């Protein structure tokens, strides 16, 4: 899966895998919680390419123009 449309959402991919809507050979890099919720197998844990990896989240919103 190339991750287009709804398939960029790991939770959506997990849901579709669990329902059989997409091929069982598909994988997603979601959390262990997703695997538990949808009854999926965890193939690999702690995927990362660096011990110093971190994620930054930004909140972006429009301000009203008056």
PDB file of N, CA and C in Angstrom:
ATOM      1  N   UNK A   1       0.840  -1.174   0.000  1.00  0.00           N
ATOM      2  CA  UNK A   1       0.000   0.000   0.000  1.00  0.00           C
ATOM      3  C   UNK A   1       0.882   1.233   0.000  1.00  0.00           C
ATOM      4  N   UNK A   2       0.551   2.174  -0.802  1.00  0.00           N
ATOM      5  CA  UNK A   2       1.375   3.373  -0.900  1.00  0.00           C
ATOM      6  C   UNK A   2       0.977   4.437   0.113  1.00  0.00           C
ATOM      7  N   UNK A   3      -0.094   4.250   0.817  1.00  0.00           N
ATOM      8  CA  UNK A   3      -0.505   5.227   1.817  1.00  0.00           C
ATOM      9  C   UNK A   3      -1.153   6.456   1.224  1.00  0.00           C
ATOM     10  N   UNK A   4      -2.156   6.266   0.424  1.00  0.00           N
ATOM     11  CA  UNK A   4      -2.880   7.384  -0.177  1.00  0.00           C
ATOM     12  C   UNK A   4      -4.284   7.457   0.419  1.00  0.00           C
ATOM     13  N   UNK A   5      -4.857   8.647   0.412  1.00  0.00           N
ATOM     14  CA  UNK A   5      -6.217   8.826   0.925  1.00  0.00           C
ATOM     15  C   UNK A   5      -6.304   8.431   2.380  1.00  0.00           C
ATOM     16  N   UNK A   6      -7.295   7.616   2.738  1.00  0.00           N
ATOM     17  CA  UNK A   6      -7.483   7.170   4.116  1.00  0.00           C
ATOM     18  C   UNK A   6      -6.334   6.290   4.602  1.00  0.00           C
ATOM     19  N   UNK A   7      -5.548   5.738   3.675  1.00  0.00           N
ATOM     20  CA  UNK A   7      -4.506   4.792   4.057  1.00  0.00           C
ATOM     21  C   UNK A   7      -3.250   5.454   4.607  1.00  0.00           C
ATOM     22  N   UNK A   8      -3.262   6.778   4.774  1.00  0.00           N
ATOM     23  CA  UNK A   8      -2.147   7.423   5.468  1.00  0.00           C
ATOM     24  C   UNK A   8      -2.355   7.363   6.977  1.00  0.00           C
ATOM     25  N   UNK A   9      -3.544   6.945   7.400  1.00  0.00           N
ATOM     26  CA  UNK A   9      -3.905   6.843   8.808  1.00  0.00           C
ATOM     27  C   UNK A   9      -3.675   5.401   9.275  1.00  0.00           C
ATOM     28  N   UNK A  10      -2.715   5.193  10.181  1.00  0.00           N
ATOM     29  CA  UNK A  10      -2.397   3.842  10.647  1.00  0.00           C
ATOM     30  C   UNK A  10      -3.596   3.146  11.275  1.00  0.00           C
ATOM     31  N   UNK A  11      -4.418   3.885  11.986  1.00  0.00           N
ATOM     32  CA  UNK A  11      -5.603   3.292  12.610  1.00  0.00           C
ATOM     33  C   UNK A  11      -6.594   2.816  11.547  1.00  0.00           C
ATOM     34  N   UNK A  12      -6.740   3.570  10.476  1.00  0.00           N
ATOM     35  CA  UNK A  12      -7.650   3.167   9.389  1.00  0.00           C
ATOM     36  C   UNK A  12      -7.131   1.911   8.714  1.00  0.00           C
ATOM     37  N   UNK A  13      -5.826   1.850   8.484  1.00  0.00           N
ATOM     38  CA  UNK A  13      -5.236   0.651   7.873  1.00  0.00           C
ATOM     39  C   UNK A  13      -5.470  -0.556   8.778  1.00  0.00           C
ATOM     40  N   UNK A  14      -5.277  -0.395  10.085  1.00  0.00           N
ATOM     41  CA  UNK A  14      -5.512  -1.496  11.024  1.00  0.00           C
ATOM     42  C   UNK A  14      -6.962  -1.959  10.968  1.00  0.00           C
ATOM     43  N   UNK A  15      -7.877  -1.015  10.930  1.00  0.00           N
ATOM     44  CA  UNK A  15      -9.301  -1.343  10.842  1.00  0.00           C
ATOM     45  C   UNK A  15      -9.605  -2.124   9.564  1.00  0.00           C
ATOM     46  N   UNK A  16      -9.053  -1.667   8.443  1.00  0.00           N
ATOM     47  CA  UNK A  16      -9.299  -2.336   7.163  1.00  0.00           C
ATOM     48  C   UNK A  16      -8.647  -3.712   7.111  1.00  0.00           C
ATOM     49  N   UNK A  17      -7.483  -3.863   7.718  1.00  0.00           N
ATOM     50  CA  UNK A  17      -6.842  -5.181   7.797  1.00  0.00           C
ATOM     51  C   UNK A  17      -7.708  -6.142   8.594  1.00  0.00           C
ATOM     52  N   UNK A  18      -8.190  -5.676   9.736  1.00  0.00           N
ATOM     53  CA  UNK A  18      -9.006  -6.521  10.609  1.00  0.00           C
ATOM     54  C   UNK A  18     -10.305  -6.956   9.941  1.00  0.00           C
ATOM     55  N   UNK A  19     -10.864  -6.081   9.115  1.00  0.00           N
ATOM     56  CA  UNK A  19     -12.133  -6.408   8.457  1.00  0.00           C
ATOM     57  C   UNK A  19     -11.940  -7.217   7.179  1.00  0.00           C
ATOM     58  N   UNK A  20     -10.679  -7.386   6.755  1.00  0.00           N
ATOM     59  CA  UNK A  20     -10.404  -8.136   5.532  1.00  0.00           C
ATOM     60  C   UNK A  20     -10.608  -7.315   4.275  1.00  0.00           C
ATOM     61  N   UNK A  21     -10.774  -6.007   4.416  1.00  0.00           N
ATOM     62  CA  UNK A  21     -11.002  -5.124   3.273  1.00  0.00           C
ATOM     63  C   UNK A  21      -9.743  -4.962   2.433  1.00  0.00           C
ATOM     64  N   UNK A  22      -8.580  -4.986   3.078  1.00  0.00           N
ATOM     65  CA  UNK A  22      -7.316  -4.933   2.341  1.00  0.00           C
ATOM     66  C   UNK A  22      -6.530  -6.205   2.623  1.00  0.00           C
ATOM     67  N   UNK A  23      -5.583  -6.505   1.767  1.00  0.00           N
ATOM     68  CA  UNK A  23      -4.843  -7.771   1.820  1.00  0.00           C
ATOM     69  C   UNK A  23      -4.148  -7.977   3.159  1.00  0.00           C
ATOM     70  N   UNK A  24      -4.182  -9.199   3.656  1.00  0.00           N
ATOM     71  CA  UNK A  24      -3.540  -9.556   4.923  1.00  0.00           C
ATOM     72  C   UNK A  24      -2.025  -9.449   4.838  1.00  0.00           C
ATOM     73  N   UNK A  25      -1.485  -9.319   3.653  1.00  0.00           N
ATOM     74  CA  UNK A  25      -0.040  -9.144   3.478  1.00  0.00           C
ATOM     75  C   UNK A  25       0.377  -7.686   3.641  1.00  0.00           C
ATOM     76  N   UNK A  26      -0.577  -6.806   3.900  1.00  0.00           N
ATOM     77  CA  UNK A  26      -0.309  -5.388   4.112  1.00  0.00           C
ATOM     78  C   UNK A  26       0.158  -5.180   5.555  1.00  0.00           C
ATOM     79  N   UNK A  27       1.074  -4.245   5.738  1.00  0.00           N
ATOM     80  CA  UNK A  27       1.547  -3.901   7.084  1.00  0.00           C
ATOM     81  C   UNK A  27       1.402  -2.406   7.292  1.00  0.00           C
ATOM     82  N   UNK A  28       1.348  -2.012   8.555  1.00  0.00           N
ATOM     83  CA  UNK A  28       1.322  -0.603   8.907  1.00  0.00           C
ATOM     84  C   UNK A  28       2.225  -0.389  10.109  1.00  0.00           C
ATOM     85  N   UNK A  29       2.755   0.791  10.246  1.00  0.00           N
ATOM     86  CA  UNK A  29       3.663   1.112  11.355  1.00  0.00           C
ATOM     87  C   UNK A  29       2.881   1.794  12.473  1.00  0.00           C
ATOM     88  N   UNK A  30       1.913   1.094  12.994  1.00  0.00           N
ATOM     89  CA  UNK A  30       1.079   1.656  14.048  1.00  0.00           C
ATOM     90  C   UNK A  30       1.560   1.223  15.422  1.00  0.00           C
ATOM     91  N   UNK A  31       0.797   1.577  16.426  1.00  0.00           N
ATOM     92  CA  UNK A  31       1.167   1.240  17.804  1.00  0.00           C
ATOM     93  C   UNK A  31       0.717  -0.172  18.162  1.00  0.00           C
ATOM     94  N   UNK A  32       1.282  -0.679  19.242  1.00  0.00           N
ATOM     95  CA  UNK A  32       0.878  -1.989  19.750  1.00  0.00           C
ATOM     96  C   UNK A  32      -0.588  -1.975  20.174  1.00  0.00           C
ATOM     97  N   UNK A  33      -1.086  -0.818  20.588  1.00  0.00           N
ATOM     98  CA  UNK A  33      -2.495  -0.687  20.971  1.00  0.00           C
ATOM     99  C   UNK A  33      -3.396  -0.994  19.784  1.00  0.00           C
ATOM    100  N   UNK A  34      -3.024  -0.511  18.589  1.00  0.00           N
ATOM    101  CA  UNK A  34      -3.823  -0.824  17.389  1.00  0.00           C
ATOM    102  C   UNK A  34      -3.879  -2.327  17.157  1.00  0.00           C
ATOM    103  N   UNK A  35      -2.749  -2.992  17.309  1.00  0.00           N
ATOM    104  CA  UNK A  35      -2.720  -4.446  17.128  1.00  0.00           C
ATOM    105  C   UNK A  35      -3.649  -5.122  18.134  1.00  0.00           C
ATOM    106  N   UNK A  36      -3.629  -4.653  19.362  1.00  0.00           N
ATOM    107  CA  UNK A  36      -4.488  -5.233  20.406  1.00  0.00           C
ATOM    108  C   UNK A  36      -5.964  -4.980  20.118  1.00  0.00           C
ATOM    109  N   UNK A  37      -6.301  -3.751  19.775  1.00  0.00           N
ATOM    110  CA  UNK A  37      -7.693  -3.382  19.524  1.00  0.00           C
ATOM    111  C   UNK A  37      -8.276  -4.185  18.361  1.00  0.00           C
ATOM    112  N   UNK A  38      -7.490  -4.341  17.297  1.00  0.00           N
ATOM    113  CA  UNK A  38      -8.003  -4.995  16.093  1.00  0.00           C
ATOM    114  C   UNK A  38      -7.596  -6.459  15.967  1.00  0.00           C
ATOM    115  N   UNK A  39      -6.923  -7.005  16.963  1.00  0.00           N
ATOM    116  CA  UNK A  39      -6.545  -8.419  16.939  1.00  0.00           C
ATOM    117  C   UNK A  39      -5.522  -8.743  15.863  1.00  0.00           C
ATOM    118  N   UNK A  40      -4.584  -7.837  15.636  1.00  0.00           N
ATOM    119  CA  UNK A  40      -3.554  -8.029  14.612  1.00  0.00           C
ATOM    120  C   UNK A  40      -2.246  -8.480  15.245  1.00  0.00           C
ATOM    121  N   UNK A  41      -1.389  -9.103  14.449  1.00  0.00           N
ATOM    122  CA  UNK A  41      -0.080  -9.536  14.915  1.00  0.00           C
ATOM    123  C   UNK A  41       0.925  -8.399  14.823  1.00  0.00           C
ATOM    124  N   UNK A  42       1.787  -8.291  15.827  1.00  0.00           N
ATOM    125  CA  UNK A  42       2.899  -7.346  15.787  1.00  0.00           C
ATOM    126  C   UNK A  42       4.078  -8.097  15.175  1.00  0.00           C
ATOM    127  N   UNK A  43       4.575  -7.595  14.060  1.00  0.00           N
ATOM    128  CA  UNK A  43       5.672  -8.257  13.350  1.00  0.00           C
ATOM    129  C   UNK A  43       7.019  -7.808  13.910  1.00  0.00           C
ATOM    130  N   UNK A  44       7.145  -6.534  14.227  1.00  0.00           N
ATOM    131  CA  UNK A  44       8.395  -5.985  14.748  1.00  0.00           C
ATOM    132  C   UNK A  44       8.081  -4.861  15.724  1.00  0.00           C
ATOM    133  N   UNK A  45       8.815  -4.803  16.806  1.00  0.00           N
ATOM    134  CA  UNK A  45       8.636  -3.744  17.802  1.00  0.00           C
ATOM    135  C   UNK A  45       9.842  -2.811  17.776  1.00  0.00           C
ATOM    136  N   UNK A  46       9.630  -1.603  18.277  1.00  0.00           N
ATOM    137  CA  UNK A  46      10.709  -0.630  18.431  1.00  0.00           C
ATOM    138  C   UNK A  46      11.443  -0.317  17.131  1.00  0.00           C
ATOM    139  N   UNK A  47      10.703  -0.112  16.063  1.00  0.00           N
ATOM    140  CA  UNK A  47      11.314   0.268  14.797  1.00  0.00           C
ATOM    141  C   UNK A  47      11.820   1.697  14.885  1.00  0.00           C
ATOM    142  N   UNK A  48      13.073   1.874  14.601  1.00  0.00           N
ATOM    143  CA  UNK A  48      13.659   3.205  14.546  1.00  0.00           C
ATOM    144  C   UNK A  48      15.017   3.092  13.881  1.00  0.00           C
ATOM    145  N   UNK A  49      15.473   4.169  13.318  1.00  0.00           N
ATOM    146  CA  UNK A  49      16.770   4.138  12.664  1.00  0.00           C
ATOM    147  C   UNK A  49      17.854   4.824  13.488  1.00  0.00           C
ATOM    148  N   UNK A  50      17.469   5.365  14.645  1.00  0.00           N
ATOM    149  CA  UNK A  50      18.412   6.057  15.501  1.00  0.00           C
ATOM    150  C   UNK A  50      17.898   6.045  16.930  1.00  0.00           C
ATOM    151  N   UNK A  51      18.795   5.887  17.878  1.00  0.00           N
ATOM    152  CA  UNK A  51      18.389   5.935  19.285  1.00  0.00           C
ATOM    153  C   UNK A  51      17.983   7.337  19.702  1.00  0.00           C
ATOM    154  N   UNK A  52      18.314   8.335  18.899  1.00  0.00           N
ATOM    155  CA  UNK A  52      18.000   9.727  19.207  1.00  0.00           C
ATOM    156  C   UNK A  52      16.774  10.237  18.463  1.00  0.00           C
ATOM    157  N   UNK A  53      15.968   9.342  17.927  1.00  0.00           N
ATOM    158  CA  UNK A  53      14.788   9.723  17.174  1.00  0.00           C
ATOM    159  C   UNK A  53      13.738  10.331  18.101  1.00  0.00           C
ATOM    160  N   UNK A  54      13.093  11.410  17.654  1.00  0.00           N
ATOM    161  CA  UNK A  54      11.984  11.988  18.398  1.00  0.00           C
ATOM    162  C   UNK A  54      10.983  12.565  17.411  1.00  0.00           C
ATOM    163  N   UNK A  55       9.779  12.774  17.884  1.00  0.00           N
ATOM    164  CA  UNK A  55       8.715  13.293  17.041  1.00  0.00           C
ATOM    165  C   UNK A  55       8.279  14.647  17.571  1.00  0.00           C
ATOM    166  N   UNK A  56       8.047  15.566  16.660  1.00  0.00           N
ATOM    167  CA  UNK A  56       7.565  16.893  17.019  1.00  0.00           C
ATOM    168  C   UNK A  56       6.177  17.075  16.438  1.00  0.00           C
ATOM    169  N   UNK A  57       5.248  17.574  17.240  1.00  0.00           N
ATOM    170  CA  UNK A  57       3.903  17.841  16.777  1.00  0.00           C
ATOM    171  C   UNK A  57       3.686  19.344  16.761  1.00  0.00           C
ATOM    172  N   UNK A  58       3.059  19.826  15.737  1.00  0.00           N
ATOM    173  CA  UNK A  58       2.735  21.239  15.623  1.00  0.00           C
ATOM    174  C   UNK A  58       1.227  21.405  15.561  1.00  0.00           C
ATOM    175  N   UNK A  59       0.712  22.392  16.251  1.00  0.00           N
ATOM    176  CA  UNK A  59      -0.698  22.740  16.159  1.00  0.00           C
ATOM    177  C   UNK A  59      -0.780  23.973  15.268  1.00  0.00           C
ATOM    178  N   UNK A  60      -1.459  23.825  14.158  1.00  0.00           N
ATOM    179  CA  UNK A  60      -1.575  24.918  13.205  1.00  0.00           C
ATOM    180  C   UNK A  60      -3.054  25.242  13.056  1.00  0.00           C
ATOM    181  N   UNK A  61      -3.370  26.515  13.149  1.00  0.00           N
ATOM    182  CA  UNK A  61      -4.756  26.925  12.946  1.00  0.00           C
ATOM    183  C   UNK A  61      -4.790  28.310  12.327  1.00  0.00           C
ATOM    184  N   UNK A  62      -5.889  28.595  11.686  1.00  0.00           N
ATOM    185  CA  UNK A  62      -6.089  29.920  11.097  1.00  0.00           C
ATOM    186  C   UNK A  62      -6.608  30.861  12.168  1.00  0.00           C
ATOM    187  N   UNK A  63      -6.163  32.067  12.073  1.00  0.00           N
ATOM    188  CA  UNK A  63      -6.729  33.081  12.960  1.00  0.00           C
ATOM    189  C   UNK A  63      -7.766  33.865  12.158  1.00  0.00           C
ATOM    190  N   UNK A  64      -8.728  34.389  12.832  1.00  0.00           N
ATOM    191  CA  UNK A  64      -9.762  35.143  12.114  1.00  0.00           C
ATOM    192  C   UNK A  64      -9.176  36.458  11.601  1.00  0.00           C
ATOM    193  N   UNK A  65      -9.611  36.822  10.444  1.00  0.00           N
ATOM    194  CA  UNK A  65      -9.150  38.066   9.835  1.00  0.00           C
ATOM    195  C   UNK A  65     -10.262  39.105   9.972  1.00  0.00           C
ATOM    196  N   UNK A  66     -10.034  40.101  10.795  1.00  0.00           N
ATOM    197  CA  UNK A  66     -11.036  41.144  11.031  1.00  0.00           C
ATOM    198  C   UNK A  66     -10.445  42.487  10.823  1.00  0.00           C
TER     199      UNK A  66
END
